[in-house]
Amino acid sequence: MASLTDELDYELPSERIAQTAAEPRDAARLLGLDRTSGALRHGLVRDLPEWLRAGDLLVGNATRVSPARLRGRKASGGAAEALLLGADENGCYRALVRCSGRLREGLELVFERDGRTCASRVAALGPRGEALLRFDLPGGENPYMLGETPLPPYIRRPAADARDPERYQTVYARAPGSVAAPTAGLHLTRGLLERLSRAGIGWAELVLHVGPGTFRPVAPEAFETGELHAEPFVLPDATARAIDATRSAGGRVIAVGTTSCRVLESCAREDGRVDAGAGETRLFLRAGSRFRVVDGLLTNFHLPRSSLLLLVAAFAGRNHVLRAYREAIQAGYRFYSYGDAMLIQ
């Protein structure tokens, strides 16, 4: 019997995976999907002011991607790489570590960048491939100072691009803590946000820090528990008030990205308003889920069988989404983090 993830599989030619971002940001292509009729339209992200309505409210995720990827070697020799996931209360750093040979407690690693080096030791091994690293750094310094932008593994280049630290970041990013960008927002520019404002379309922000679970396959038990990996969020009072005002005036709430959508629906009331607050969300939006707040979704094209694609299919309908993806592939759209976008409304 096919699972939900099996039913959201598709074939993508490798040349459709974007290796660099569109320049300028809002020159990315935009595929419009009417989630009621399934009708499609083609345009550019810069067309958003004409595709949305006066009175709509866009809600973006203002998380900032941390320079979380460290490169170096084992003290005994052999390459090593770590993706930092944040510090714990004891001054250690959670990390996903790859190295030649077996990862074990006590293993010494040396990370380096731009002529600087930093020694570390595996203090403990944790669940799901995580390790706790203890770094030998002077007071006031942290290992992110040696880090680089953690691009997804499907972006493969012979050399790093000096533009990535700025380009793999939204223009409104302000709260460090993510290991991956909220990619729908990568298409927005300050100029486009100003044009949206002049067209009567509002803007509000929340924060969800994207964790490594976004790259992992959906675990079978997620379908039993109805929960995904936990990710911390903050939904400010100002955003809750903006949603209330939009609802009262008959406007629509448009989530910029699946991350914003998860926070909004995690904080939803039955009447389509939200409660401000902070915490962690494990919300798993999939077929049969109710969307009480979100009326529209600006999103990128997602990996097959992923939790992100499950969310999009739950919002717009599996058949509509798969047909839209087929058309996007045929029309030469670019996929994944640095790729093009969809507007579903």
Protein backbone atom coordinates (compact mmCIF):
# COMPACT_ATOMS: atom_id res chain seq x y z
CA MET A 1 0.00 0.00 0.00
CA ALA A 2 1.44 3.36 -1.02
CA SER A 3 2.21 5.89 1.70
CA LEU A 4 1.46 9.60 1.50
CA THR A 5 5.10 10.28 0.69
CA ASP A 6 5.02 7.70 -2.13
CA GLU A 7 2.05 9.56 -3.60
CA LEU A 8 4.06 12.79 -3.64
CA ASP A 9 7.01 11.53 -5.62
CA TYR A 10 8.04 12.95 -8.99
CA GLU A 11 10.96 12.77 -11.40
CA LEU A 12 13.12 15.89 -11.63
CA PRO A 13 15.91 16.24 -14.19
CA SER A 14 19.12 17.25 -12.42
CA GLU A 15 19.47 20.35 -14.61
CA ARG A 16 16.27 21.73 -13.05
CA ILE A 17 17.95 21.99 -9.61
CA ALA A 18 19.05 25.62 -9.24
CA GLN A 19 22.72 26.00 -8.36
CA THR A 20 22.66 29.80 -8.15
CA ALA A 21 19.99 32.31 -7.26
CA ALA A 22 18.13 34.55 -9.69
CA GLU A 23 19.50 38.08 -9.98
CA PRO A 24 17.87 40.31 -9.08
CA ARG A 25 15.89 38.37 -6.50
CA ASP A 26 12.44 39.29 -7.83
CA ALA A 27 13.38 38.21 -11.38
CA ALA A 28 12.65 34.61 -10.34
CA ARG A 29 9.74 33.02 -12.16
CA LEU A 30 6.37 32.68 -10.41
CA LEU A 31 3.82 29.96 -11.10
CA GLY A 32 0.33 30.84 -9.89
CA LEU A 33 -2.02 28.05 -8.78
CA ASP A 34 -5.70 28.52 -8.04
CA ARG A 35 -6.30 25.91 -5.35
CA THR A 36 -10.00 25.73 -6.10
CA SER A 37 -9.93 25.25 -9.87
CA GLY A 38 -6.33 24.14 -10.40
CA ALA A 39 -5.86 26.88 -13.00
CA LEU A 40 -2.25 27.94 -13.60
CA ARG A 41 -0.65 31.21 -14.67
CA HIS A 42 2.95 32.20 -15.35
CA GLY A 43 4.80 35.34 -14.39
CA LEU A 44 7.63 36.72 -12.26
CA VAL A 45 7.91 37.30 -8.51
CA ARG A 46 7.95 41.05 -9.22
CA ASP A 47 4.32 40.62 -10.42
CA LEU A 48 3.12 39.95 -6.85
CA PRO A 49 1.52 43.40 -6.37
CA GLU A 50 -0.76 42.65 -9.33
CA TRP A 51 -1.45 39.02 -8.31
CA LEU A 52 -2.47 39.83 -4.74
CA ARG A 53 -5.31 42.06 -3.51
CA ALA A 54 -5.36 45.32 -1.58
CA GLY A 55 -6.06 44.38 2.02
CA ASP A 56 -4.05 41.13 1.93
CA LEU A 57 -1.36 40.57 4.55
CA LEU A 58 1.95 38.82 3.81
CA VAL A 59 3.60 37.14 6.81
CA GLY A 60 7.34 36.42 6.49
CA ASN A 61 9.82 34.47 8.60
CA ALA A 62 12.54 36.84 9.87
CA THR A 63 14.94 34.10 10.99
CA ARG A 64 18.58 34.53 10.02
CA VAL A 65 20.75 31.66 8.77
CA SER A 66 23.77 31.17 11.01
CA PRO A 67 27.24 30.45 9.52
CA ALA A 68 26.87 26.93 10.87
CA ARG A 69 29.06 24.78 8.60
CA LEU A 70 32.60 24.10 9.85
CA ARG A 71 35.25 22.40 7.75
CA GLY A 72 38.47 20.84 8.95
CA ARG A 73 40.01 17.51 9.87
CA LYS A 74 40.47 14.97 12.57
CA ALA A 75 43.52 15.69 14.73
CA SER A 76 44.83 12.30 13.61
CA GLY A 77 44.22 13.11 9.92
CA GLY A 78 41.25 12.76 7.56
CA ALA A 79 38.58 15.28 6.56
CA ALA A 80 35.85 16.37 8.98
CA GLU A 81 32.80 18.62 8.70
CA ALA A 82 30.25 19.79 11.28
CA LEU A 83 26.86 21.48 11.05
CA LEU A 84 26.29 23.41 14.27
CA LEU A 85 22.78 23.18 15.76
CA GLY A 86 23.23 25.49 18.73
CA ALA A 87 24.79 25.55 22.19
CA ASP A 88 23.57 23.74 25.27
CA GLU A 89 23.55 24.96 28.87
CA ASN A 90 27.02 23.47 29.50
CA GLY A 91 28.82 25.36 26.77
CA CYS A 92 28.89 22.45 24.31
CA TYR A 93 27.49 22.68 20.78
CA ARG A 94 25.08 20.21 19.23
CA ALA A 95 26.26 19.27 15.75
CA LEU A 96 25.88 16.85 12.89
CA VAL A 97 29.41 15.62 12.22
CA ARG A 98 30.82 13.82 9.19
CA CYS A 99 34.36 12.52 9.17
CA SER A 100 36.48 9.72 7.81
CA GLY A 101 36.31 6.68 10.05
CA ARG A 102 34.09 6.14 13.07
CA LEU A 103 32.71 9.02 15.12
CA ARG A 104 33.33 8.35 18.83
CA GLU A 105 33.47 10.12 22.15
CA GLY A 106 36.82 11.79 22.79
CA LEU A 107 37.61 12.19 19.08
CA GLU A 108 39.57 15.39 18.49
CA LEU A 109 38.67 17.61 15.54
CA VAL A 110 40.35 20.73 14.21
CA PHE A 111 38.32 23.23 12.19
CA GLU A 112 39.86 25.97 10.09
CA ARG A 113 38.89 28.97 8.01
CA ASP A 114 40.84 31.88 6.53
CA GLY A 115 44.00 30.87 8.35
CA ARG A 116 42.31 30.49 11.75
CA THR A 117 42.02 27.14 13.50
CA CYS A 118 39.99 25.86 16.43
CA ALA A 119 40.36 22.56 18.26
CA SER A 120 37.34 20.63 19.52
CA ARG A 121 36.48 17.28 21.07
CA VAL A 122 33.44 15.02 20.79
CA ALA A 123 32.05 15.20 24.34
CA ALA A 124 29.11 12.86 23.73
CA LEU A 125 27.10 11.15 21.01
CA GLY A 126 23.39 11.91 20.79
CA PRO A 127 20.31 10.70 18.89
CA ARG A 128 19.79 10.87 15.11
CA GLY A 129 23.47 11.24 14.33
CA GLU A 130 24.05 14.26 16.56
CA ALA A 131 27.18 14.84 18.62
CA LEU A 132 28.10 17.28 21.38
CA LEU A 133 31.28 19.21 20.60
CA ARG A 134 33.35 21.09 23.16
CA PHE A 135 35.48 23.84 21.59
CA ASP A 136 38.76 25.30 22.78
CA LEU A 137 38.10 29.00 22.20
CA PRO A 138 39.03 32.22 24.03
CA GLY A 139 36.29 33.80 26.12
CA GLY A 140 33.78 35.80 24.10
CA GLU A 141 34.35 33.78 20.91
CA ASN A 142 32.19 31.02 19.47
CA PRO A 143 32.69 28.45 16.68
CA TYR A 144 30.31 30.28 14.33
CA MET A 145 33.18 32.74 13.82
CA LEU A 146 34.88 30.02 11.75
CA GLY A 147 31.69 28.93 10.00
CA GLU A 148 30.33 29.35 6.49
CA THR A 149 26.86 29.44 4.96
CA PRO A 150 25.31 25.94 5.20
CA LEU A 151 23.97 25.51 1.68
CA PRO A 152 21.81 22.43 1.05
CA PRO A 153 23.61 19.31 -0.23
CA TYR A 154 21.93 19.46 -3.66
CA ILE A 155 23.75 22.73 -4.43
CA ARG A 156 26.98 21.35 -5.84
CA ARG A 157 29.68 23.65 -7.13
CA PRO A 158 33.42 23.30 -7.68
CA ALA A 159 34.00 26.39 -5.52
CA ALA A 160 32.05 28.46 -3.01
CA ASP A 161 30.32 31.62 -4.25
CA ALA A 162 31.26 34.77 -2.34
CA ARG A 163 27.67 35.99 -2.72
CA ASP A 164 26.13 33.09 -0.77
CA PRO A 165 26.38 34.65 2.73
CA GLU A 166 24.18 37.51 1.52
CA ARG A 167 22.10 35.72 -1.11
CA TYR A 168 21.12 32.74 1.08
CA GLN A 169 19.47 35.21 3.47
CA THR A 170 16.21 37.14 3.19
CA VAL A 171 16.51 40.92 3.05
CA TYR A 172 14.50 41.12 6.30
CA ALA A 173 16.44 38.45 8.24
CA ARG A 174 17.17 39.64 11.81
CA ALA A 175 17.06 36.73 14.32
CA PRO A 176 20.02 34.27 14.03
CA GLY A 177 19.29 30.60 14.57
CA SER A 178 18.51 28.68 11.36
CA VAL A 179 20.59 26.09 9.52
CA ALA A 180 18.56 26.64 6.32
CA ALA A 181 16.89 29.66 4.79
CA PRO A 182 13.12 30.16 4.61
CA THR A 183 13.53 30.05 0.86
CA ALA A 184 10.26 31.59 -0.35
CA GLY A 185 11.40 34.87 1.18
CA LEU A 186 14.68 34.84 -0.75
CA HIS A 187 12.77 36.25 -3.74
CA LEU A 188 11.61 39.45 -2.02
CA THR A 189 13.49 42.74 -2.31
CA ARG A 190 13.12 45.97 -0.36
CA GLY A 191 11.83 47.60 -3.53
CA LEU A 192 9.21 44.89 -4.03
CA LEU A 193 8.07 45.18 -0.41
CA GLU A 194 7.64 48.92 -0.93
CA ARG A 195 5.59 48.33 -4.09
CA LEU A 196 3.42 45.83 -2.21
CA SER A 197 2.85 48.39 0.52
CA ARG A 198 1.85 51.05 -2.02
CA ALA A 199 -0.63 48.54 -3.48
CA GLY A 200 -2.32 48.22 -0.08
CA ILE A 201 -0.78 44.84 0.79
CA GLY A 202 0.42 44.57 4.38
CA TRP A 203 3.55 43.00 5.84
CA ALA A 204 4.10 41.28 9.20
CA GLU A 205 6.81 39.02 10.61
CA LEU A 206 7.32 36.04 12.84
CA VAL A 207 10.36 33.86 13.52
CA LEU A 208 10.80 30.12 13.12
CA HIS A 209 14.34 28.76 13.31
CA VAL A 210 14.72 26.07 10.66
CA GLY A 211 16.42 22.94 12.00
CA PRO A 212 18.09 19.94 10.35
CA GLY A 213 14.83 18.01 10.35
CA THR A 214 13.80 19.96 7.25
CA PHE A 215 16.37 17.89 5.26
CA ARG A 216 15.44 14.50 6.72
CA PRO A 217 12.90 12.07 5.26
CA VAL A 218 9.53 12.00 6.98
CA ALA A 219 9.77 9.35 9.71
CA PRO A 220 7.03 6.68 9.58
CA GLU A 221 6.07 7.40 13.18
CA ALA A 222 5.24 10.99 12.24
CA PHE A 223 2.08 9.73 10.56
CA GLU A 224 1.08 7.96 13.77
CA THR A 225 1.88 10.78 16.20
CA GLY A 226 0.93 13.65 13.87
CA GLU A 227 4.16 15.40 14.86
CA LEU A 228 7.35 16.44 13.08
CA HIS A 229 10.71 17.55 14.49
CA ALA A 230 10.45 20.46 16.94
CA GLU A 231 11.41 23.96 15.80
CA PRO A 232 11.40 27.09 18.00
CA PHE A 233 9.22 30.04 17.02
CA VAL A 234 8.12 33.50 18.10
CA LEU A 235 4.85 35.07 16.95
CA PRO A 236 4.89 38.74 18.09
CA ASP A 237 1.89 40.69 19.38
CA ALA A 238 2.19 43.08 16.44
CA THR A 239 1.74 40.21 13.97
CA ALA A 240 -1.26 38.84 15.86
CA ARG A 241 -2.83 42.30 15.80
CA ALA A 242 -2.12 42.67 12.06
CA ILE A 243 -3.85 39.34 11.39
CA ASP A 244 -6.86 40.41 13.49
CA ALA A 245 -7.08 43.70 11.58
CA THR A 246 -6.78 41.91 8.23
CA ARG A 247 -9.51 39.42 9.14
CA SER A 248 -11.81 42.18 10.43
CA ALA A 249 -11.41 44.10 7.16
CA GLY A 250 -12.10 41.01 5.01
CA GLY A 251 -8.51 40.59 3.82
CA ARG A 252 -6.51 37.41 3.32
CA VAL A 253 -3.44 36.11 5.19
CA ILE A 254 -0.68 34.98 2.81
CA ALA A 255 2.13 32.93 4.37
CA VAL A 256 5.57 33.56 2.88
CA GLY A 257 6.90 30.01 3.00
CA THR A 258 5.98 26.77 4.71
CA THR A 259 7.80 27.87 7.88
CA SER A 260 5.51 30.88 8.32
CA CYS A 261 2.55 28.64 7.55
CA ARG A 262 3.52 26.17 10.29
CA VAL A 263 3.79 28.90 12.92
CA LEU A 264 0.50 30.53 11.95
CA GLU A 265 -1.40 27.26 12.01
CA SER A 266 0.31 26.24 15.27
CA CYS A 267 -1.03 29.41 16.90
CA ALA A 268 -4.44 29.37 15.22
CA ARG A 269 -7.81 29.91 16.82
CA GLU A 270 -11.00 28.51 15.36
CA ASP A 271 -12.00 31.96 14.06
CA GLY A 272 -8.85 32.34 11.91
CA ARG A 273 -7.03 34.63 14.31
CA VAL A 274 -3.86 33.72 16.19
CA ASP A 275 -2.46 33.88 19.70
CA ALA A 276 0.90 35.61 20.05
CA GLY A 277 3.60 33.73 21.91
CA ALA A 278 6.81 31.74 21.76
CA GLY A 279 7.58 28.05 22.01
CA GLU A 280 8.25 25.03 19.81
CA THR A 281 6.07 23.63 17.07
CA ARG A 282 5.87 20.01 16.01
CA LEU A 283 2.85 20.59 13.78
CA PHE A 284 2.65 18.16 10.85
CA LEU A 285 0.43 19.56 8.10
CA ARG A 286 -0.58 16.82 5.70
CA ALA A 287 -3.63 15.49 3.83
CA GLY A 288 -6.72 16.14 5.94
CA SER A 289 -5.18 18.99 7.96
CA ARG A 290 -7.25 22.13 8.47
CA PHE A 291 -5.84 25.54 7.58
CA ARG A 292 -7.56 28.03 9.86
CA VAL A 293 -5.38 31.11 9.31
CA VAL A 294 -3.57 30.81 5.98
CA ASP A 295 -5.53 31.80 2.87
CA GLY A 296 -2.61 31.85 0.45
CA LEU A 297 0.94 30.54 0.27
CA LEU A 298 4.06 31.83 -1.47
CA THR A 299 6.45 28.89 -1.64
CA ASN A 300 9.32 27.35 -3.58
CA PHE A 301 9.32 24.00 -5.39
CA HIS A 302 10.12 21.27 -2.85
CA LEU A 303 11.86 17.92 -2.79
CA PRO A 304 9.80 14.82 -3.58
CA ARG A 305 8.33 12.96 -0.59
CA SER A 306 9.27 15.77 1.82
CA SER A 307 7.23 17.16 4.70
CA LEU A 308 7.26 20.53 2.90
CA LEU A 309 5.63 19.04 -0.21
CA LEU A 310 3.11 17.25 2.01
CA LEU A 311 2.14 20.64 3.48
CA VAL A 312 1.75 22.24 0.06
CA ALA A 313 -0.35 19.31 -1.20
CA ALA A 314 -2.54 19.48 1.91
CA PHE A 315 -3.15 23.17 1.23
CA ALA A 316 -3.77 23.03 -2.51
CA GLY A 317 -4.67 19.39 -3.24
CA ARG A 318 -2.34 16.61 -4.33
CA ASN A 319 -3.53 16.45 -7.94
CA HIS A 320 -3.38 20.21 -8.45
CA VAL A 321 0.14 20.38 -7.01
CA LEU A 322 1.55 17.46 -8.99
CA ARG A 323 0.08 18.85 -12.20
CA ALA A 324 1.61 22.25 -11.41
CA TYR A 325 4.99 20.61 -10.78
CA ARG A 326 4.79 18.72 -14.09
CA GLU A 327 4.05 21.97 -15.93
CA ALA A 328 6.87 23.75 -14.10
CA ILE A 329 9.35 21.06 -15.13
CA GLN A 330 8.19 21.18 -18.75
CA ALA A 331 8.37 24.99 -18.77
CA GLY A 332 11.93 25.04 -17.45
CA TYR A 333 11.33 26.37 -13.95
CA ARG A 334 14.23 26.08 -11.49
CA PHE A 335 13.66 23.99 -8.35
CA TYR A 336 14.59 23.96 -4.65
CA SER A 337 16.27 26.58 -2.47
CA TYR A 338 17.70 28.88 -5.15
CA GLY A 339 14.89 28.10 -7.57
CA ASP A 340 11.64 29.74 -8.66
CA ALA A 341 8.41 30.17 -6.72
CA MET A 342 4.69 29.36 -6.62
CA LEU A 343 1.83 31.50 -5.38
CA ILE A 344 -1.13 29.38 -4.26
CA GLN A 345 -4.35 31.23 -3.51
